[in-house]
Amino acid sequence: MNQPLVGRIVIRTVVLGTLLVLSAAPGWGVKRRAFVTSVAGPGNLDLWLGAIGATALDKADALCRARAGAGGLPNAATYRAWLSTATTDAYCHVQGASGQKADACSGAALPGGGPWYLANGVNTFAGTLDELTGPERILYRPVMLDENLAEVAAGAQQIWTGTFADGVGTGHSCSDWSSASAGTLGTFGQALRTARIWTYSSFESCDGSRRLLCLEPGPSEVTILGWSPGSLVFVSSASGDADLSSWPGAGGAVGLDAADNVCRSLAAAAHLPAPQSFFAWLSDSQQDAADRLTSDGPFRRVDGYAIASTKADLLDGTVGNGIHVFENGSYEVAPPFTVWTETAADGTSLGTACDDWTSNLAGLPAVRVGDSTSARTESWTDYVSRSCDSPFARLYCLSNAVTLFWDGFENGAISRWSSSVP
């Protein structure tokens, strides 16, 4: 997909007075950046060229700063690695502190951090540190770019982290990043994934070669994405097996009709515009998902971020962002990240789809599912195979209507309300 990374971002700021600006927004006018290193190495940081310092975290920071300098990024000498050790969580380290999140980083004064932008300084990556690692898990898009503004290849997107999505160490850190042995394990994330997978995908042997994630520390400018006309897209908060008639909201229908009813029920409950225009991104033996799509886009998540500019763009093999936002505007936190589709990246059917989505029998041929955390690859719709009795997978729901004006007011997003004085 050739969709440009630079989206239509509208920055709306409210000046409440000079003193309030200075006290409440220390990052005013500053866009902190995040990037994935263009270089990679094993879990032993001593084996990386340019890794200098007294501790593993010092060495990782030195690598981040060297790459930021090579890429000409602002404040290159300040970057810190998103990395945990046995004694220091990444949540603390990126704030310049040691210790663990559970003990308030050893009682240090914590400056916070973020929101963060990609290395280009334009596209948003994540919310503030507490939004990113707290219950909201606000992650707008995969980090996806290295320090040279080059997009990370799908086959080389793994990053060493040792860190859960809440910023806490996993306990698998390649012996505090001193081992490149196949007998030790390190946790890694993925640069083209969202939800928790950006930092906690799995753990594997420390002899593998992976990158680092680098964050510019400190508070940052807040941006609000304004709505532009588009067809809404979300991943369903509901999940279930392949017999779609059994899902709440199916309304007594079966197969594709049941799935469409589920999408419309969820859209209506979330007060989305034109709830009856939604359909499920599914194929069966008779219909391709592409033929069920009549809108020509652009296609936008409920939070306003675009995933494709046109129908052709949607069907060209990849989407521009993860579809990891529910109908109510919240972000996916926990599995399942799999989505029933039986649909190839060009929108065509891949098979019979569990007797056309009417059966959950284990003996039927497995179907293909998508991955709602994936971007820039075909995995969003064609990821792995699952049996029809798999108990948990979601649905993609797309609107065939283009919403011209919408700010999320109807779905109860209180951030859209202005403050008032009684």
Protein backbone atom coordinates (compact mmCIF):
# COMPACT_ATOMS: atom_id res chain seq x y z
CA MET A 1 0.00 0.00 0.00
CA ASN A 2 1.36 3.41 -0.95
CA GLN A 3 -0.60 5.49 1.53
CA PRO A 4 1.63 8.31 2.86
CA LEU A 5 2.35 8.28 6.56
CA VAL A 6 1.58 11.96 6.90
CA GLY A 7 -2.10 12.13 7.77
CA ARG A 8 -4.45 14.99 8.18
CA ILE A 9 -3.64 16.04 11.71
CA VAL A 10 -5.40 19.08 13.06
CA ILE A 11 -3.88 20.61 16.15
CA ARG A 12 -6.40 22.43 18.25
CA THR A 13 -5.09 24.20 21.33
CA VAL A 14 -6.82 26.27 23.92
CA VAL A 15 -4.72 28.98 25.54
CA LEU A 16 -5.82 29.39 29.13
CA GLY A 17 -3.26 32.04 29.99
CA THR A 18 0.48 32.17 30.13
CA LEU A 19 0.84 30.87 33.67
CA LEU A 20 -1.46 27.91 33.06
CA VAL A 21 0.33 27.02 29.85
CA LEU A 22 3.69 27.06 31.58
CA SER A 23 2.53 25.00 34.55
CA ALA A 24 0.29 22.48 32.80
CA ALA A 25 2.09 22.01 29.51
CA PRO A 26 5.88 21.88 29.97
CA GLY A 27 6.12 20.18 26.58
CA TRP A 28 4.34 23.00 24.78
CA GLY A 29 5.50 23.14 21.17
CA VAL A 30 7.76 20.10 21.54
CA LYS A 31 7.13 16.86 19.68
CA ARG A 32 9.00 14.00 21.35
CA ARG A 33 9.93 11.25 18.92
CA ALA A 34 10.18 7.48 18.94
CA PHE A 35 12.01 5.23 16.50
CA VAL A 36 13.26 1.72 15.96
CA THR A 37 17.01 1.38 15.42
CA SER A 38 18.14 0.57 11.91
CA VAL A 39 20.76 -1.74 13.43
CA ALA A 40 20.06 -4.99 15.23
CA GLY A 41 21.93 -7.43 17.43
CA PRO A 42 21.67 -10.27 19.95
CA GLY A 43 20.57 -10.07 23.57
CA ASN A 44 24.12 -9.35 24.73
CA LEU A 45 24.52 -5.62 24.19
CA ASP A 46 28.29 -5.89 24.56
CA LEU A 47 28.30 -7.44 21.09
CA TRP A 48 26.70 -4.36 19.50
CA LEU A 49 29.05 -1.87 17.88
CA GLY A 50 28.95 1.39 19.83
CA ALA A 51 27.41 -0.01 23.01
CA ILE A 52 29.33 1.86 25.70
CA GLY A 53 28.57 2.49 29.36
CA ALA A 54 28.72 1.00 32.82
CA THR A 55 25.36 -0.81 32.73
CA ALA A 56 23.22 -2.56 30.17
CA LEU A 57 20.79 0.35 30.12
CA ASP A 58 23.67 2.80 29.64
CA LYS A 59 24.79 0.76 26.64
CA ALA A 60 21.31 0.63 25.16
CA ASP A 61 20.92 4.38 25.60
CA ALA A 62 24.27 4.96 23.91
CA LEU A 63 23.08 2.94 20.94
CA CYS A 64 19.83 4.94 20.74
CA ARG A 65 21.68 8.25 20.95
CA ALA A 66 24.19 7.27 18.30
CA ARG A 67 21.42 6.24 15.91
CA ALA A 68 19.41 9.40 16.66
CA GLY A 69 22.51 11.47 15.87
CA ALA A 70 23.15 9.54 12.67
CA GLY A 71 19.57 10.20 11.61
CA GLY A 72 19.81 13.91 12.41
CA LEU A 73 16.99 13.81 14.96
CA PRO A 74 16.56 16.68 17.44
CA ASN A 75 17.90 16.21 20.97
CA ALA A 76 19.80 13.14 19.85
CA ALA A 77 21.86 12.96 23.04
CA THR A 78 18.78 12.51 25.24
CA TYR A 79 17.14 9.34 23.87
CA ARG A 80 16.57 6.34 26.11
CA ALA A 81 15.91 2.72 25.21
CA TRP A 82 12.57 1.11 26.00
CA LEU A 83 14.18 -1.74 27.91
CA SER A 84 13.73 -3.43 31.30
CA THR A 85 16.20 -5.25 33.51
CA ALA A 86 15.73 -7.30 36.67
CA THR A 87 15.95 -4.17 38.82
CA THR A 88 14.65 -1.37 36.57
CA ASP A 89 11.41 -1.26 34.60
CA ALA A 90 11.26 0.49 31.23
CA TYR A 91 8.53 2.72 32.68
CA CYS A 92 11.09 4.12 35.13
CA HIS A 93 14.07 4.10 32.81
CA VAL A 94 12.54 6.30 30.12
CA GLN A 95 11.87 8.88 32.83
CA GLY A 96 15.53 8.85 33.89
CA ALA A 97 14.85 6.85 37.05
CA SER A 98 15.77 3.40 38.34
CA GLY A 99 13.67 0.92 40.28
CA GLN A 100 10.31 -0.56 39.50
CA LYS A 101 6.91 0.87 38.70
CA ALA A 102 5.41 -0.87 41.73
CA ASP A 103 7.62 1.14 44.10
CA ALA A 104 7.13 4.42 42.19
CA CYS A 105 10.58 4.06 40.62
CA SER A 106 12.28 4.10 44.01
CA GLY A 107 10.44 7.27 44.96
CA ALA A 108 12.09 9.41 42.31
CA ALA A 109 10.51 12.57 40.95
CA LEU A 110 8.94 11.41 37.70
CA PRO A 111 8.63 13.87 34.82
CA GLY A 112 6.36 11.65 32.73
CA GLY A 113 6.77 11.58 28.99
CA GLY A 114 5.02 11.84 25.67
CA PRO A 115 2.80 11.89 23.77
CA TRP A 116 5.23 10.53 21.22
CA TYR A 117 5.47 11.00 17.47
CA LEU A 118 7.18 8.93 14.83
CA ALA A 119 10.73 9.86 13.85
CA ASN A 120 9.32 12.20 11.19
CA GLY A 121 7.94 14.45 13.95
CA VAL A 122 4.53 14.57 12.27
CA ASN A 123 2.58 11.36 12.82
CA THR A 124 1.49 10.46 16.32
CA PHE A 125 2.72 7.17 17.79
CA ALA A 126 1.33 6.96 21.33
CA GLY A 127 -0.29 8.91 24.12
CA THR A 128 1.55 10.02 27.23
CA LEU A 129 3.60 7.45 29.11
CA ASP A 130 0.80 6.92 31.62
CA GLU A 131 -1.78 6.63 28.84
CA LEU A 132 0.39 4.18 26.93
CA THR A 133 1.12 1.96 29.94
CA GLY A 134 -2.11 2.51 31.88
CA PRO A 135 -5.55 0.97 31.42
CA GLU A 136 -6.23 3.04 28.28
CA ARG A 137 -3.22 1.64 26.35
CA ILE A 138 -3.38 4.59 23.95
CA LEU A 139 -1.31 3.64 20.92
CA TYR A 140 -2.29 5.42 17.73
CA ARG A 141 -0.16 3.48 15.24
CA PRO A 142 2.86 1.17 15.12
CA VAL A 143 6.23 2.86 15.66
CA MET A 144 7.20 1.59 12.17
CA LEU A 145 10.04 4.05 11.27
CA ASP A 146 13.75 3.91 12.02
CA GLU A 147 15.96 6.93 12.72
CA ASN A 148 16.44 7.48 8.99
CA LEU A 149 12.65 7.67 8.45
CA ALA A 150 12.77 4.36 6.59
CA GLU A 151 9.85 2.01 7.17
CA VAL A 152 10.76 -1.16 9.04
CA ALA A 153 10.45 -4.31 6.94
CA ALA A 154 7.93 -6.91 8.07
CA GLY A 155 10.63 -9.57 8.27
CA ALA A 156 12.82 -7.47 10.56
CA GLN A 157 10.36 -5.83 12.91
CA GLN A 158 11.21 -7.55 16.20
CA ILE A 159 12.60 -5.35 18.99
CA TRP A 160 14.17 -6.35 22.30
CA THR A 161 12.13 -4.95 25.21
CA GLY A 162 11.96 -7.31 28.20
CA THR A 163 8.80 -5.38 29.00
CA PHE A 164 5.05 -5.91 29.41
CA ALA A 165 2.55 -3.40 28.02
CA ASP A 166 2.27 -1.72 31.43
CA GLY A 167 5.97 -0.84 31.30
CA VAL A 168 7.00 -3.48 33.80
CA GLY A 169 9.77 -5.99 33.22
CA THR A 170 8.80 -9.51 32.17
CA GLY A 171 11.73 -11.28 33.81
CA HIS A 172 13.02 -12.43 30.42
CA SER A 173 15.83 -9.99 29.66
CA CYS A 174 18.71 -12.12 28.34
CA SER A 175 20.37 -12.11 31.77
CA ASP A 176 20.05 -8.34 31.94
CA TRP A 177 21.11 -8.02 28.31
CA SER A 178 24.42 -9.75 28.87
CA SER A 179 23.70 -13.07 27.15
CA ALA A 180 23.57 -14.11 23.51
CA SER A 181 23.03 -17.74 24.42
CA ALA A 182 20.36 -19.95 22.92
CA GLY A 183 19.72 -21.14 26.45
CA THR A 184 18.50 -17.79 27.78
CA LEU A 185 15.34 -15.94 26.83
CA GLY A 186 14.43 -12.35 26.04
CA THR A 187 11.06 -10.71 25.52
CA PHE A 188 10.52 -8.87 22.26
CA GLY A 189 7.87 -6.66 20.69
CA GLN A 190 7.09 -5.90 17.06
CA ALA A 191 7.43 -2.56 15.31
CA LEU A 192 4.50 -3.10 12.92
CA ARG A 193 2.02 -4.17 15.58
CA THR A 194 -0.20 -2.33 18.06
CA ALA A 195 -2.10 -3.28 21.24
CA ARG A 196 0.32 -5.01 23.62
CA ILE A 197 2.26 -6.66 20.80
CA TRP A 198 4.33 -3.52 20.21
CA THR A 199 6.29 -4.36 23.38
CA TYR A 200 5.20 -7.86 24.44
CA SER A 201 4.86 -10.32 21.60
CA SER A 202 6.72 -13.35 22.93
CA PHE A 203 10.12 -14.39 24.21
CA GLU A 204 12.79 -16.32 22.38
CA SER A 205 16.44 -17.26 22.66
CA CYS A 206 18.90 -14.45 23.08
CA ASP A 207 21.07 -15.45 20.15
CA GLY A 208 18.57 -13.94 17.72
CA SER A 209 19.12 -10.52 16.14
CA ARG A 210 16.59 -7.82 17.04
CA ARG A 211 16.39 -4.04 17.15
CA LEU A 212 15.86 -1.51 19.95
CA LEU A 213 13.03 0.95 20.50
CA CYS A 214 14.23 4.46 21.40
CA LEU A 215 12.15 7.23 22.98
CA GLU A 216 12.94 10.90 23.35
CA PRO A 217 12.25 11.67 27.04
CA GLY A 218 10.11 14.44 28.45
CA PRO A 219 6.58 15.84 28.13
CA SER A 220 5.35 16.63 24.66
CA GLU A 221 2.78 18.55 22.69
CA VAL A 222 -0.74 17.12 22.66
CA THR A 223 -2.53 16.87 19.32
CA ILE A 224 -6.17 16.17 18.63
CA LEU A 225 -7.04 14.59 15.31
CA GLY A 226 -9.92 16.39 13.66
CA TRP A 227 -12.51 14.39 11.77
CA SER A 228 -12.34 14.26 7.98
CA PRO A 229 -15.05 12.62 5.84
CA GLY A 230 -14.80 8.84 5.78
CA SER A 231 -16.42 5.48 6.37
CA LEU A 232 -16.05 4.28 9.94
CA VAL A 233 -14.23 1.04 10.76
CA PHE A 234 -13.87 -0.79 14.07
CA VAL A 235 -13.00 -4.18 15.49
CA SER A 236 -15.84 -5.65 17.52
CA SER A 237 -15.62 -5.68 21.29
CA ALA A 238 -17.68 -8.88 21.05
CA SER A 239 -16.02 -12.18 20.22
CA GLY A 240 -17.06 -15.79 19.75
CA ASP A 241 -16.73 -18.95 17.69
CA ALA A 242 -17.45 -19.41 13.98
CA ASP A 243 -21.19 -20.11 14.40
CA LEU A 244 -22.14 -16.47 14.14
CA SER A 245 -25.80 -17.12 14.87
CA SER A 246 -24.82 -17.77 18.50
CA TRP A 247 -23.38 -14.27 19.02
CA PRO A 248 -25.34 -11.65 20.98
CA GLY A 249 -26.84 -9.24 18.50
CA ALA A 250 -27.17 -11.83 15.71
CA GLY A 251 -30.93 -11.32 15.85
CA GLY A 252 -31.87 -14.85 14.82
CA ALA A 253 -29.98 -14.63 11.53
CA VAL A 254 -27.25 -17.00 10.33
CA GLY A 255 -23.99 -16.68 8.41
CA LEU A 256 -23.09 -13.32 6.94
CA ASP A 257 -26.45 -11.86 7.91
CA ALA A 258 -25.78 -12.74 11.54
CA ALA A 259 -22.37 -11.08 11.39
CA ASP A 260 -23.83 -7.92 9.84
CA ASN A 261 -26.45 -7.79 12.59
CA VAL A 262 -23.72 -8.05 15.23
CA CYS A 263 -21.85 -5.13 13.68
CA ARG A 264 -25.00 -3.03 13.43
CA SER A 265 -26.01 -3.82 17.00
CA LEU A 266 -22.61 -2.78 18.32
CA ALA A 267 -22.59 0.37 16.18
CA ALA A 268 -26.04 1.35 17.44
CA ALA A 269 -25.10 0.71 21.07
CA ALA A 270 -22.06 2.96 20.61
CA HIS A 271 -24.22 5.63 18.92
CA LEU A 272 -22.13 5.60 15.75
CA PRO A 273 -23.52 7.38 12.69
CA ALA A 274 -25.66 5.30 10.31
CA PRO A 275 -25.47 2.04 12.29
CA GLN A 276 -27.44 0.12 9.63
CA SER A 277 -24.73 0.87 7.08
CA PHE A 278 -22.23 -1.42 8.82
CA PHE A 279 -21.33 -4.88 7.58
CA ALA A 280 -18.81 -7.51 8.66
CA TRP A 281 -15.58 -7.95 6.70
CA LEU A 282 -16.21 -11.63 5.97
CA SER A 283 -16.25 -13.94 2.97
CA ASP A 284 -17.98 -17.29 2.53
CA SER A 285 -18.31 -19.80 -0.32
CA GLN A 286 -20.74 -17.53 -2.18
CA GLN A 287 -19.55 -13.99 -1.54
CA ASP A 288 -16.29 -12.09 -1.35
CA ALA A 289 -15.88 -9.46 1.34
CA ALA A 290 -14.78 -7.01 -1.36
CA ASP A 291 -18.14 -7.33 -3.11
CA ARG A 292 -19.95 -6.47 0.12
CA LEU A 293 -18.06 -3.18 0.31
CA THR A 294 -19.76 -0.39 -1.66
CA SER A 295 -18.09 2.67 -0.11
CA ASP A 296 -15.01 4.07 -1.83
CA GLY A 297 -13.69 5.47 1.43
CA PRO A 298 -11.63 6.90 2.84
CA PHE A 299 -11.83 4.42 5.73
CA ARG A 300 -11.24 5.67 9.24
CA ARG A 301 -11.21 4.10 12.68
CA VAL A 302 -13.59 5.48 15.27
CA ASP A 303 -10.73 7.64 16.62
CA GLY A 304 -10.37 9.30 13.20
CA TYR A 305 -7.16 7.62 12.04
CA ALA A 306 -7.20 6.45 8.44
CA ILE A 307 -6.52 2.84 7.48
CA ALA A 308 -7.00 3.27 3.71
CA SER A 309 -7.76 6.17 1.38
CA THR A 310 -9.97 4.33 -1.14
CA LYS A 311 -11.49 0.91 -1.75
CA ALA A 312 -8.63 0.09 -4.11
CA ASP A 313 -6.19 1.14 -1.41
CA LEU A 314 -7.90 -1.14 1.10
CA LEU A 315 -7.66 -4.06 -1.30
CA ASP A 316 -4.08 -3.55 -2.43
CA GLY A 317 -2.61 -5.97 0.10
CA THR A 318 -2.11 -3.95 3.28
CA VAL A 319 -3.76 -1.36 5.49
CA GLY A 320 -2.04 1.77 6.71
CA ASN A 321 -2.74 1.22 10.40
CA GLY A 322 -3.88 -1.43 12.82
CA ILE A 323 -7.66 -1.77 13.29
CA HIS A 324 -7.27 -2.06 17.05
CA VAL A 325 -10.04 0.33 18.13
CA PHE A 326 -13.44 -0.86 19.39
CA GLU A 327 -16.78 0.65 18.44
CA ASN A 328 -16.78 2.77 21.62
CA GLY A 329 -13.42 4.32 20.75
CA SER A 330 -11.34 2.42 23.30
CA TYR A 331 -8.17 0.60 22.33
CA GLU A 332 -7.61 -3.13 22.45
CA VAL A 333 -5.75 -4.21 25.57
CA ALA A 334 -5.93 -7.99 25.76
CA PRO A 335 -6.51 -10.93 23.40
CA PRO A 336 -8.17 -12.10 21.29
CA PHE A 337 -6.42 -10.09 18.60
CA THR A 338 -7.63 -12.58 15.98
CA VAL A 339 -10.55 -11.68 13.71
CA TRP A 340 -12.74 -14.06 11.66
CA THR A 341 -12.31 -13.21 7.96
CA GLU A 342 -11.60 -16.18 5.59
CA THR A 343 -10.58 -13.35 3.29
CA ALA A 344 -7.40 -12.65 1.35
CA ALA A 345 -5.78 -9.24 1.29
CA ASP A 346 -7.48 -8.47 -2.04
CA GLY A 347 -10.88 -9.05 -0.47
CA THR A 348 -11.59 -12.43 -2.06
CA SER A 349 -12.82 -15.58 -0.33
CA LEU A 350 -10.36 -18.20 0.84
CA GLY A 351 -12.82 -21.08 1.29
CA THR A 352 -16.04 -22.42 2.77
CA ALA A 353 -15.70 -20.65 6.11
CA CYS A 354 -17.04 -23.17 8.64
CA ASP A 355 -20.08 -24.09 6.54
CA ASP A 356 -20.53 -20.44 5.68
CA TRP A 357 -20.26 -19.29 9.29
CA THR A 358 -22.98 -21.60 10.58
CA SER A 359 -20.90 -24.23 12.39
CA ASN A 360 -18.43 -24.46 15.25
CA LEU A 361 -17.51 -28.12 14.69
CA ALA A 362 -13.83 -28.85 15.21
CA GLY A 363 -13.71 -31.34 12.33
CA LEU A 364 -14.37 -28.77 9.61
CA PRO A 365 -11.51 -27.26 7.62
CA ALA A 366 -9.70 -24.49 9.47
CA VAL A 367 -10.33 -20.91 8.35
CA ARG A 368 -8.08 -17.92 8.03
CA VAL A 369 -8.25 -15.16 10.58
CA GLY A 370 -6.83 -11.67 10.58
CA ASP A 371 -4.77 -9.88 13.24
CA SER A 372 -6.24 -6.60 14.43
CA THR A 373 -2.87 -5.36 15.71
CA SER A 374 -1.14 -5.64 12.32
CA ALA A 375 -0.42 -2.80 9.93
CA ARG A 376 1.48 -2.49 6.67
CA THR A 377 1.17 -6.24 5.97
CA GLU A 378 -1.52 -8.61 4.72
CA SER A 379 -1.79 -10.10 8.22
CA TRP A 380 -4.60 -7.70 9.08
CA THR A 381 -6.98 -10.03 7.19
CA ASP A 382 -4.91 -13.14 6.34
CA TYR A 383 -2.77 -14.07 9.33
CA VAL A 384 -3.09 -17.68 10.54
CA SER A 385 -5.60 -20.56 10.46
CA ARG A 386 -8.00 -21.33 13.28
CA SER A 387 -10.46 -24.17 13.83
CA CYS A 388 -14.17 -23.40 13.73
CA ASP A 389 -14.55 -24.17 17.42
CA SER A 390 -11.97 -21.58 18.48
CA PRO A 391 -13.87 -19.78 21.22
CA PHE A 392 -12.57 -16.29 20.75
CA ALA A 393 -12.19 -14.21 17.62
CA ARG A 394 -13.64 -10.83 16.75
CA LEU A 395 -15.17 -9.19 13.66
CA TYR A 396 -14.12 -6.24 11.56
CA CYS A 397 -17.05 -3.91 11.00
CA LEU A 398 -17.01 -1.38 8.14
CA SER A 399 -19.56 1.25 7.19
CA ASN A 400 -20.74 1.63 3.62
CA ALA A 401 -21.76 5.22 4.38
CA VAL A 402 -19.36 8.15 4.33
CA THR A 403 -19.73 10.29 7.44
CA LEU A 404 -19.07 13.91 6.53
CA PHE A 405 -19.14 15.54 9.95
CA TRP A 406 -18.61 13.72 13.23
CA ASP A 407 -16.65 14.39 16.41
CA GLY A 408 -17.52 11.39 18.56
CA PHE A 409 -20.04 13.38 20.63
CA GLU A 410 -22.75 10.78 20.11
CA ASN A 411 -20.77 7.88 21.56
CA GLY A 412 -20.31 9.61 24.88
CA ALA A 413 -16.69 10.70 24.50
CA ILE A 414 -16.61 13.34 27.24
CA SER A 415 -13.36 14.78 25.86
CA ARG A 416 -15.54 16.37 23.18
CA TRP A 417 -17.43 18.41 25.80
CA SER A 418 -16.16 21.86 26.69
CA SER A 419 -15.78 22.71 30.35
CA SER A 420 -18.47 24.87 31.94
CA VAL A 421 -18.97 26.79 35.13
CA PRO A 422 -22.19 26.11 37.09
